[in-house]
Amino acid sequence: MVACGSGKTELLFQGIEFALNNGLTVCIATPRTDVVLELAPRFRQAFPGAEIAALYGGSSDVGALSPLIISTTHQLLRYKEAFDVIIIDEVDAFPYSFDNTLQNAVKKSAKRQSAHIYLTATPSADMKKRAESGKLDTVRIPARFHRSPLPVPILIWSGNWKRSLKRRKVPFRLKKWLFKHQELQHPVFLFVPSVPVLKSVVSLLKKETFRAEGVYAEDPDRNEKVNQFRESSLEVLVTTTILERGVTVKNAQVGVLGAESEVFTVSALVQMAGRAGRHPEHTAGDVCFFHYGRTNSMNAARRHIQNMNKMSKKEMLID
C-alpha cells in the first residue's frame, strides 16, 4: 500500500533498469488510457536509450513487442507468454478489478516463470486480507517522496446542489471556493458524479467567466483538454471519476461536488484527493468534498488519509 503521489513510479526505475540490462521484457499495465499517456513520457525521459512502446486504443504501437511496454490491461489480450516482469499499476481500479477477462489476459501475457508486482494506494479488502495472512508480500509507503503530509479533505455542506443546478446556479459555497482559487491562479480539478451534471456545471462556470471544460470517458477531445489544463489554458477541469488516478497537474486543487453520491466510493474519494499536493513546491493542496449530507464513504476516506499521515509521521520519526 502506497500513498497517492508517493513517487511509486520513480521507485520502479532501478528494478526496471536491472531487468532491461539483463535482457528481460517488462510490461507496466494499467486499467486506463490516461495513465498510459501520463507514464509513457516519464519512462522515455528516464530511459532515453530504451525501446519503449505505449499501447492503448488507437496507438500506433499496438501489437508491438518492445523490451519495455506501457499498456492498458485491455491491450494484453493480444499477448501470450511475452513478459518476464508484469507491473500492474492501480490494480484496484475499474475495470480491471471487476473484469475476470482482463485479469486472465494479464496472467496469459506473462511467461510461466515471471514476476508480478501490484501497485495501489487503495488496496481492496481481499488484498489487505492476503497481505495480513502472509499470502501476499507487501511493501508499504505511507509518505509522499517530498515527505509532506497528504492534504486532508474538508467536508463542506453545500445544500441541495441539484436544485441549484436546475435553477441554473452554481452552488454558493462551491462558487466562492472556485473564485478564491481563480484569484490565486490555482488550477482546479472538479469531480462530479455524472455526465449530465458535468455538462450543466461546465455551462454555468463558463457563464461565471471561468475558463472551464469537462471530460468524461467517451469524450473524444479528452486528451486535448487535459493537456490544456496542464498548460494552464484552463482554470477548472470538470471531470467524472475517469481522472481520479494517474493524472498529475502542478499545484492542482481538488473539489468534489455531490460527494455523497454512491459513485464516489472510499477508494475513489481517496484517489481524487490524491490529485492535490503532489508537487514538492506545492505540497499543501486544498481538497473539499461539497455534499448534501455526509456519508460513510466520505468519513472513511478522510480517516484513511489521516491514518496514512499518522503512519508516515511515525515511520519518519523511527528513521
Protein backbone atom coordinates (compact mmCIF):
# COMPACT_ATOMS: atom_id res chain seq x y z
CA MET A 1 0.00 0.00 0.00
CA VAL A 2 1.40 3.38 -1.01
CA ALA A 3 0.30 6.98 -0.52
CA CYS A 4 -1.15 8.77 -3.55
CA GLY A 5 1.76 10.71 -5.04
CA SER A 6 4.38 8.71 -3.13
CA GLY A 7 6.62 8.51 -6.20
CA LYS A 8 5.94 4.83 -6.78
CA THR A 9 6.67 5.22 -10.50
CA GLU A 10 10.16 6.53 -9.78
CA LEU A 11 10.74 3.73 -7.27
CA LEU A 12 10.33 1.26 -10.13
CA PHE A 13 13.17 2.74 -12.19
CA GLN A 14 16.06 0.87 -10.58
CA GLY A 15 14.34 -2.51 -10.78
CA ILE A 16 13.29 -1.94 -14.39
CA GLU A 17 16.83 -0.87 -15.29
CA PHE A 18 18.15 -4.11 -13.79
CA ALA A 19 15.59 -6.16 -15.75
CA LEU A 20 16.34 -4.44 -19.07
CA ASN A 21 20.10 -4.76 -18.57
CA ASN A 22 19.60 -8.49 -18.10
CA GLY A 23 17.57 -8.92 -21.28
CA LEU A 24 14.17 -9.27 -19.60
CA THR A 25 10.91 -7.96 -21.05
CA VAL A 26 8.93 -5.67 -18.79
CA CYS A 27 5.28 -4.64 -19.03
CA ILE A 28 3.67 -1.91 -16.95
CA ALA A 29 -0.07 -2.38 -17.27
CA THR A 30 -2.78 -0.02 -16.10
CA PRO A 31 -6.57 -0.07 -16.46
CA ARG A 32 -6.82 3.40 -18.04
CA THR A 33 -5.53 5.12 -21.17
CA ASP A 34 -4.97 8.40 -19.26
CA VAL A 35 -2.42 6.67 -17.04
CA VAL A 36 -0.54 5.23 -20.05
CA LEU A 37 -0.36 8.73 -21.56
CA GLU A 38 0.91 10.07 -18.22
CA LEU A 39 3.53 7.34 -17.70
CA ALA A 40 4.98 6.95 -21.20
CA PRO A 41 6.77 10.36 -21.36
CA ARG A 42 8.18 9.86 -17.86
CA PHE A 43 9.69 6.49 -18.76
CA ARG A 44 11.05 7.78 -22.09
CA GLN A 45 12.77 10.57 -20.20
CA ALA A 46 14.13 8.17 -17.56
CA PHE A 47 15.29 5.56 -20.13
CA PRO A 48 16.34 7.61 -23.19
CA GLY A 49 18.15 4.71 -24.87
CA ALA A 50 15.44 2.10 -24.37
CA GLU A 51 12.89 0.93 -26.91
CA ILE A 52 9.53 1.72 -25.28
CA ALA A 53 6.04 1.07 -26.66
CA ALA A 54 2.85 2.70 -25.35
CA LEU A 55 -0.24 0.60 -26.01
CA TYR A 56 -3.83 1.86 -25.86
CA GLY A 57 -6.78 2.06 -28.23
CA GLY A 58 -5.71 3.95 -31.34
CA SER A 59 -1.98 3.89 -30.52
CA SER A 60 0.44 3.37 -33.40
CA ASP A 61 2.38 0.96 -31.17
CA VAL A 62 -0.49 -1.54 -30.82
CA GLY A 63 0.78 -5.11 -31.23
CA ALA A 64 4.44 -4.16 -30.73
CA LEU A 65 6.75 -6.21 -28.54
CA SER A 66 9.44 -3.95 -27.05
CA PRO A 67 11.72 -4.61 -24.08
CA LEU A 68 9.61 -2.13 -22.09
CA ILE A 69 5.89 -1.80 -22.72
CA ILE A 70 3.41 0.54 -21.04
CA SER A 71 -0.06 -0.72 -21.79
CA THR A 72 -3.71 -0.69 -20.86
CA THR A 73 -4.81 -4.04 -19.49
CA HIS A 74 -7.16 -4.42 -22.48
CA GLN A 75 -4.19 -4.48 -24.89
CA LEU A 76 -2.70 -7.50 -23.09
CA LEU A 77 -5.39 -9.65 -24.69
CA ARG A 78 -3.05 -9.61 -27.73
CA TYR A 79 -0.12 -11.30 -25.93
CA LYS A 80 0.73 -14.79 -24.73
CA GLU A 81 3.72 -15.68 -22.51
CA ALA A 82 5.53 -12.50 -23.61
CA PHE A 83 6.73 -10.82 -20.39
CA ASP A 84 9.26 -11.67 -17.70
CA VAL A 85 8.02 -8.91 -15.40
CA ILE A 86 4.48 -7.54 -15.19
CA ILE A 87 3.72 -4.50 -13.05
CA ILE A 88 0.02 -3.75 -12.56
CA ASP A 89 -0.41 -0.08 -11.68
CA GLU A 90 -3.65 0.85 -9.87
CA VAL A 91 -4.57 -2.82 -9.51
CA ASP A 92 -7.80 -1.98 -7.69
CA ALA A 93 -9.11 0.32 -10.43
CA PHE A 94 -12.15 -0.23 -12.63
CA PRO A 95 -12.47 -2.07 -15.00
CA TYR A 96 -9.54 -4.39 -14.20
CA SER A 97 -10.59 -5.13 -10.63
CA PHE A 98 -14.09 -6.24 -11.75
CA ASP A 99 -13.24 -7.97 -15.04
CA ASN A 100 -12.01 -11.58 -14.95
CA THR A 101 -11.25 -11.41 -18.67
CA LEU A 102 -8.69 -8.64 -18.10
CA GLN A 103 -7.20 -10.43 -15.09
CA ASN A 104 -6.81 -13.61 -17.16
CA ALA A 105 -5.28 -11.56 -20.00
CA VAL A 106 -2.56 -10.36 -17.63
CA LYS A 107 -1.84 -13.91 -16.47
CA LYS A 108 -1.78 -15.22 -20.06
CA SER A 109 0.59 -12.48 -21.23
CA ALA A 110 3.20 -13.41 -18.61
CA LYS A 111 5.81 -16.10 -19.08
CA ARG A 112 5.49 -19.20 -16.90
CA GLN A 113 8.43 -18.04 -14.81
CA SER A 114 7.70 -14.37 -14.23
CA ALA A 115 7.46 -11.69 -11.56
CA HIS A 116 4.15 -9.96 -10.81
CA ILE A 117 4.14 -6.63 -8.94
CA TYR A 118 0.94 -4.85 -7.87
CA LEU A 119 0.75 -1.12 -7.11
CA THR A 120 -2.11 0.68 -5.38
CA ALA A 121 -2.85 3.42 -2.89
CA THR A 122 -6.25 1.89 -2.11
CA PRO A 123 -5.95 -1.91 -1.82
CA SER A 124 -9.11 -3.99 -1.86
CA ALA A 125 -10.32 -5.85 1.22
CA ASP A 126 -9.13 -9.11 -0.38
CA MET A 127 -5.62 -7.75 -0.98
CA LYS A 128 -5.42 -6.50 2.61
CA LYS A 129 -6.52 -9.92 3.90
CA ARG A 130 -3.94 -11.74 1.76
CA ALA A 131 -1.21 -9.34 2.91
CA GLU A 132 -2.12 -9.74 6.59
CA SER A 133 -2.13 -13.54 6.27
CA GLY A 134 1.30 -13.55 4.61
CA LYS A 135 0.00 -14.84 1.27
CA LEU A 136 0.97 -11.61 -0.49
CA ASP A 137 4.36 -9.98 0.11
CA THR A 138 3.93 -6.24 0.60
CA VAL A 139 5.94 -3.04 0.80
CA ARG A 140 4.17 -0.09 2.43
CA ILE A 141 4.99 3.54 1.57
CA PRO A 142 2.77 5.83 3.67
CA ALA A 143 4.52 9.10 2.76
CA ARG A 144 4.97 11.09 -0.42
CA PHE A 145 8.50 11.46 -1.75
CA HIS A 146 8.62 15.09 -0.57
CA ARG A 147 7.75 13.92 2.98
CA SER A 148 4.91 16.43 3.42
CA PRO A 149 1.54 15.18 4.73
CA LEU A 150 -1.28 14.22 2.38
CA PRO A 151 -3.90 17.01 2.14
CA VAL A 152 -6.84 16.05 4.37
CA PRO A 153 -10.27 16.67 2.81
CA ILE A 154 -12.55 19.34 4.26
CA LEU A 155 -16.24 18.40 4.22
CA ILE A 156 -18.44 21.36 3.20
CA TRP A 157 -22.22 21.18 3.31
CA SER A 158 -23.47 22.81 0.11
CA GLY A 159 -27.21 22.30 0.45
CA ASN A 160 -29.39 20.91 -2.33
CA TRP A 161 -26.84 21.38 -5.11
CA LYS A 162 -29.01 19.52 -7.66
CA ARG A 163 -31.78 22.07 -7.18
CA SER A 164 -29.24 24.88 -7.58
CA LEU A 165 -28.10 23.46 -10.91
CA LYS A 166 -31.72 23.12 -12.11
CA ARG A 167 -32.14 26.80 -11.31
CA ARG A 168 -29.05 27.45 -13.43
CA LYS A 169 -26.91 28.48 -10.47
CA VAL A 170 -23.56 27.24 -9.21
CA PRO A 171 -23.95 26.23 -5.53
CA PHE A 172 -22.88 29.26 -3.46
CA ARG A 173 -20.14 27.63 -1.38
CA LEU A 174 -18.63 25.93 -4.42
CA LYS A 175 -18.64 29.20 -6.39
CA LYS A 176 -17.00 31.06 -3.52
CA TRP A 177 -14.29 28.37 -3.29
CA LEU A 178 -13.68 28.43 -7.05
CA PHE A 179 -13.38 32.21 -7.14
CA LYS A 180 -10.81 32.04 -4.34
CA HIS A 181 -8.62 29.67 -6.35
CA GLN A 182 -9.18 31.66 -9.54
CA GLU A 183 -7.79 34.72 -7.75
CA LEU A 184 -4.81 32.67 -6.51
CA GLN A 185 -4.32 31.27 -10.06
CA HIS A 186 -4.64 27.68 -8.86
CA PRO A 187 -5.84 25.04 -11.33
CA VAL A 188 -8.83 23.07 -10.01
CA PHE A 189 -9.98 19.51 -10.64
CA LEU A 190 -13.74 19.48 -10.02
CA PHE A 191 -15.13 15.95 -9.82
CA VAL A 192 -18.85 15.38 -10.40
CA PRO A 193 -20.99 12.21 -10.21
CA SER A 194 -22.35 12.04 -13.77
CA VAL A 195 -22.01 13.34 -17.33
CA PRO A 196 -25.31 15.32 -17.23
CA VAL A 197 -24.11 17.10 -14.08
CA LEU A 198 -20.74 17.72 -15.76
CA LYS A 199 -22.32 19.39 -18.79
CA SER A 200 -24.54 21.56 -16.63
CA VAL A 201 -21.65 22.65 -14.37
CA VAL A 202 -19.34 23.46 -17.30
CA SER A 203 -22.03 25.61 -18.92
CA LEU A 204 -22.65 27.52 -15.68
CA LEU A 205 -18.94 28.03 -14.92
CA LYS A 206 -18.36 29.50 -18.37
CA LYS A 207 -21.16 32.00 -17.68
CA GLU A 208 -19.35 32.88 -14.44
CA THR A 209 -16.25 33.74 -16.56
CA PHE A 210 -14.23 30.66 -15.61
CA ARG A 211 -12.07 29.09 -18.29
CA ALA A 212 -13.59 25.64 -17.86
CA GLU A 213 -14.05 22.41 -19.80
CA GLY A 214 -15.34 18.97 -18.94
CA VAL A 215 -14.00 15.47 -19.65
CA TYR A 216 -15.55 12.02 -19.38
CA ALA A 217 -14.85 8.52 -20.68
CA GLU A 218 -16.50 8.93 -24.12
CA ASP A 219 -15.21 12.46 -24.73
CA PRO A 220 -13.21 12.36 -28.00
CA ASP A 221 -11.31 15.53 -27.00
CA ARG A 222 -10.37 14.29 -23.53
CA ASN A 223 -6.59 14.14 -24.05
CA GLU A 224 -6.50 17.59 -25.65
CA LYS A 225 -8.47 19.15 -22.77
CA VAL A 226 -6.24 17.51 -20.14
CA ASN A 227 -3.20 18.95 -21.92
CA GLN A 228 -4.83 22.40 -21.99
CA PHE A 229 -5.39 22.09 -18.24
CA ARG A 230 -1.73 21.12 -17.68
CA GLU A 231 -0.61 24.11 -19.73
CA SER A 232 -2.81 26.50 -17.67
CA SER A 233 -5.11 27.31 -20.59
CA LEU A 234 -7.99 26.14 -18.39
CA GLU A 235 -8.72 27.19 -14.80
CA VAL A 236 -11.19 24.42 -13.97
CA LEU A 237 -11.35 20.90 -15.38
CA VAL A 238 -14.69 19.32 -14.55
CA THR A 239 -14.47 15.54 -14.69
CA THR A 240 -16.11 12.28 -13.78
CA THR A 241 -14.10 9.66 -11.90
CA ILE A 242 -12.23 8.94 -15.16
CA LEU A 243 -9.40 11.22 -13.94
CA GLU A 244 -9.32 10.03 -10.33
CA ARG A 245 -5.98 8.27 -10.93
CA GLY A 246 -2.69 8.71 -12.72
CA VAL A 247 -3.02 12.34 -13.80
CA THR A 248 -0.68 14.88 -12.22
CA VAL A 249 -1.06 18.66 -12.61
CA LYS A 250 1.27 21.02 -10.77
CA ASN A 251 -0.37 22.88 -7.87
CA ALA A 252 -3.82 21.39 -8.58
CA GLN A 253 -6.64 21.83 -6.05
CA VAL A 254 -9.47 19.31 -5.77
CA GLY A 255 -13.21 19.78 -5.34
CA VAL A 256 -15.84 17.04 -5.35
CA LEU A 257 -19.41 18.18 -5.98
CA GLY A 258 -22.08 15.82 -4.69
CA ALA A 259 -19.57 13.84 -2.67
CA GLU A 260 -22.47 11.94 -1.10
CA SER A 261 -23.19 10.20 -4.41
CA GLU A 262 -22.88 6.39 -4.43
CA VAL A 263 -20.46 6.57 -7.37
CA PHE A 264 -17.90 8.15 -5.04
CA THR A 265 -16.60 5.12 -3.15
CA VAL A 266 -13.96 5.32 -0.43
CA SER A 267 -11.18 4.44 -2.86
CA ALA A 268 -12.46 6.94 -5.45
CA LEU A 269 -12.52 9.75 -2.90
CA VAL A 270 -9.02 8.88 -1.65
CA GLN A 271 -7.69 8.81 -5.21
CA MET A 272 -9.35 12.10 -6.13
CA ALA A 273 -7.95 13.76 -3.01
CA GLY A 274 -4.58 12.40 -4.10
CA ARG A 275 -4.50 14.75 -7.11
CA ALA A 276 -3.65 17.62 -4.71
CA GLY A 277 -0.36 18.48 -3.02
CA ARG A 278 1.80 16.21 -5.19
CA HIS A 279 4.50 18.67 -6.29
CA PRO A 280 7.45 19.34 -3.92
CA GLU A 281 6.94 23.09 -4.34
CA HIS A 282 3.17 22.86 -3.74
CA THR A 283 2.57 20.27 -1.03
CA ALA A 284 -0.41 21.84 0.79
CA GLY A 285 -3.19 21.38 -1.76
CA ASP A 286 -6.82 22.18 -0.98
CA VAL A 287 -9.29 19.26 -1.05
CA CYS A 288 -13.00 19.92 -0.47
CA PHE A 289 -15.92 17.48 -0.51
CA PHE A 290 -19.07 19.54 -1.25
CA HIS A 291 -22.04 17.49 -0.08
CA TYR A 292 -25.75 17.37 0.76
CA GLY A 293 -25.25 15.04 3.72
CA ARG A 294 -22.21 13.15 4.99
CA THR A 295 -21.74 9.50 4.05
CA ASN A 296 -19.72 6.64 5.48
CA SER A 297 -17.54 6.73 2.38
CA MET A 298 -16.64 10.38 2.88
CA ASN A 299 -15.80 9.84 6.54
CA ALA A 300 -13.82 6.66 5.78
CA ALA A 301 -11.81 8.37 3.03
CA ARG A 302 -10.91 11.19 5.41
CA ARG A 303 -9.87 8.71 8.12
CA HIS A 304 -7.78 6.74 5.63
CA ILE A 305 -5.80 9.85 4.66
CA GLN A 306 -5.38 10.89 8.30
CA ASN A 307 -4.15 7.39 9.19
CA MET A 308 -1.62 7.43 6.35
CA ASN A 309 -0.30 10.75 7.67
CA LYS A 310 -0.01 9.33 11.21
CA MET A 311 1.77 6.24 9.89
CA SER A 312 4.11 8.40 7.83
CA LYS A 313 4.95 10.65 10.78
CA LYS A 314 5.66 7.63 12.98
CA GLU A 315 7.93 5.95 10.43
CA MET A 316 9.85 9.16 9.74
CA LEU A 317 10.49 9.53 13.48
CA ILE A 318 11.80 5.96 13.54
CA ASP A 319 14.11 6.69 10.61
